[in-house]
Protein backbone atom coordinates (compact mmCIF):
# COMPACT_ATOMS: atom_id res chain seq x y z
CA UNK A 1 20.80 18.76 23.61
CA UNK A 2 18.92 16.26 21.44
CA UNK A 3 17.56 17.23 18.07
CA UNK A 4 13.77 16.87 17.76
CA UNK A 5 12.66 14.07 15.45
CA UNK A 6 11.43 15.54 12.20
CA UNK A 7 8.60 13.80 10.38
CA UNK A 8 9.71 12.00 7.24
CA UNK A 9 8.08 12.48 3.87
CA UNK A 10 6.44 9.42 2.39
CA UNK A 11 8.06 8.86 -1.03
CA UNK A 12 4.81 7.51 -2.51
CA UNK A 13 2.20 10.01 -1.42
CA UNK A 14 4.32 12.88 -0.07
CA UNK A 15 2.48 12.62 3.26
CA UNK A 16 4.36 13.56 6.40
CA UNK A 17 4.51 10.84 8.99
CA UNK A 18 6.19 10.44 12.36
CA UNK A 19 6.51 6.68 11.83
CA UNK A 20 7.72 6.13 8.27
CA UNK A 21 8.28 2.40 8.85
CA UNK A 22 4.65 1.87 9.85
CA UNK A 23 3.51 4.01 6.92
CA UNK A 24 5.59 1.90 4.52
CA UNK A 25 3.99 -1.28 5.93
CA UNK A 26 0.57 0.30 5.35
CA UNK A 27 1.50 1.02 1.71
CA UNK A 28 2.78 -2.54 1.23
CA UNK A 29 -0.43 -3.99 2.65
CA UNK A 30 -2.55 -1.70 0.45
CA UNK A 31 -0.67 -2.73 -2.71
CA UNK A 32 -0.97 -6.41 -1.72
CA UNK A 33 -4.71 -6.14 -1.10
CA UNK A 34 -5.25 -4.40 -4.46
CA UNK A 35 -3.21 -7.08 -6.27
CA UNK A 36 -5.26 -9.86 -4.64
CA UNK A 37 -8.54 -8.13 -5.55
CA UNK A 38 -7.45 -7.67 -9.19
CA UNK A 39 -6.36 -11.30 -9.42
CA UNK A 40 -9.68 -12.50 -8.01
CA UNK A 41 -11.65 -10.31 -10.42
CA UNK A 42 -9.61 -11.56 -13.38
CA UNK A 43 -10.24 -15.17 -12.38
CA UNK A 44 -13.96 -14.46 -11.96
CA UNK A 45 -14.15 -12.89 -15.41
CA UNK A 46 -12.18 -15.74 -17.01
CA UNK A 47 -14.54 -18.28 -15.42
CA UNK A 48 -17.60 -16.36 -16.64
CA UNK A 49 -16.26 -16.20 -20.21
CA UNK A 50 -15.53 -19.95 -20.24
CA UNK A 51 -19.19 -20.82 -19.80
């Protein structure tokens, strides 16, 4: 008899998920998008201060 698949706990947000790999990709994409947005904002501010 097969054991039922138990949801795994997300180490970052403690959410339960049936597909931890997909959830980890979501986290990676979120962190990437935030880093890009922060970088763009910093560049915008630097350009505004240079004027």
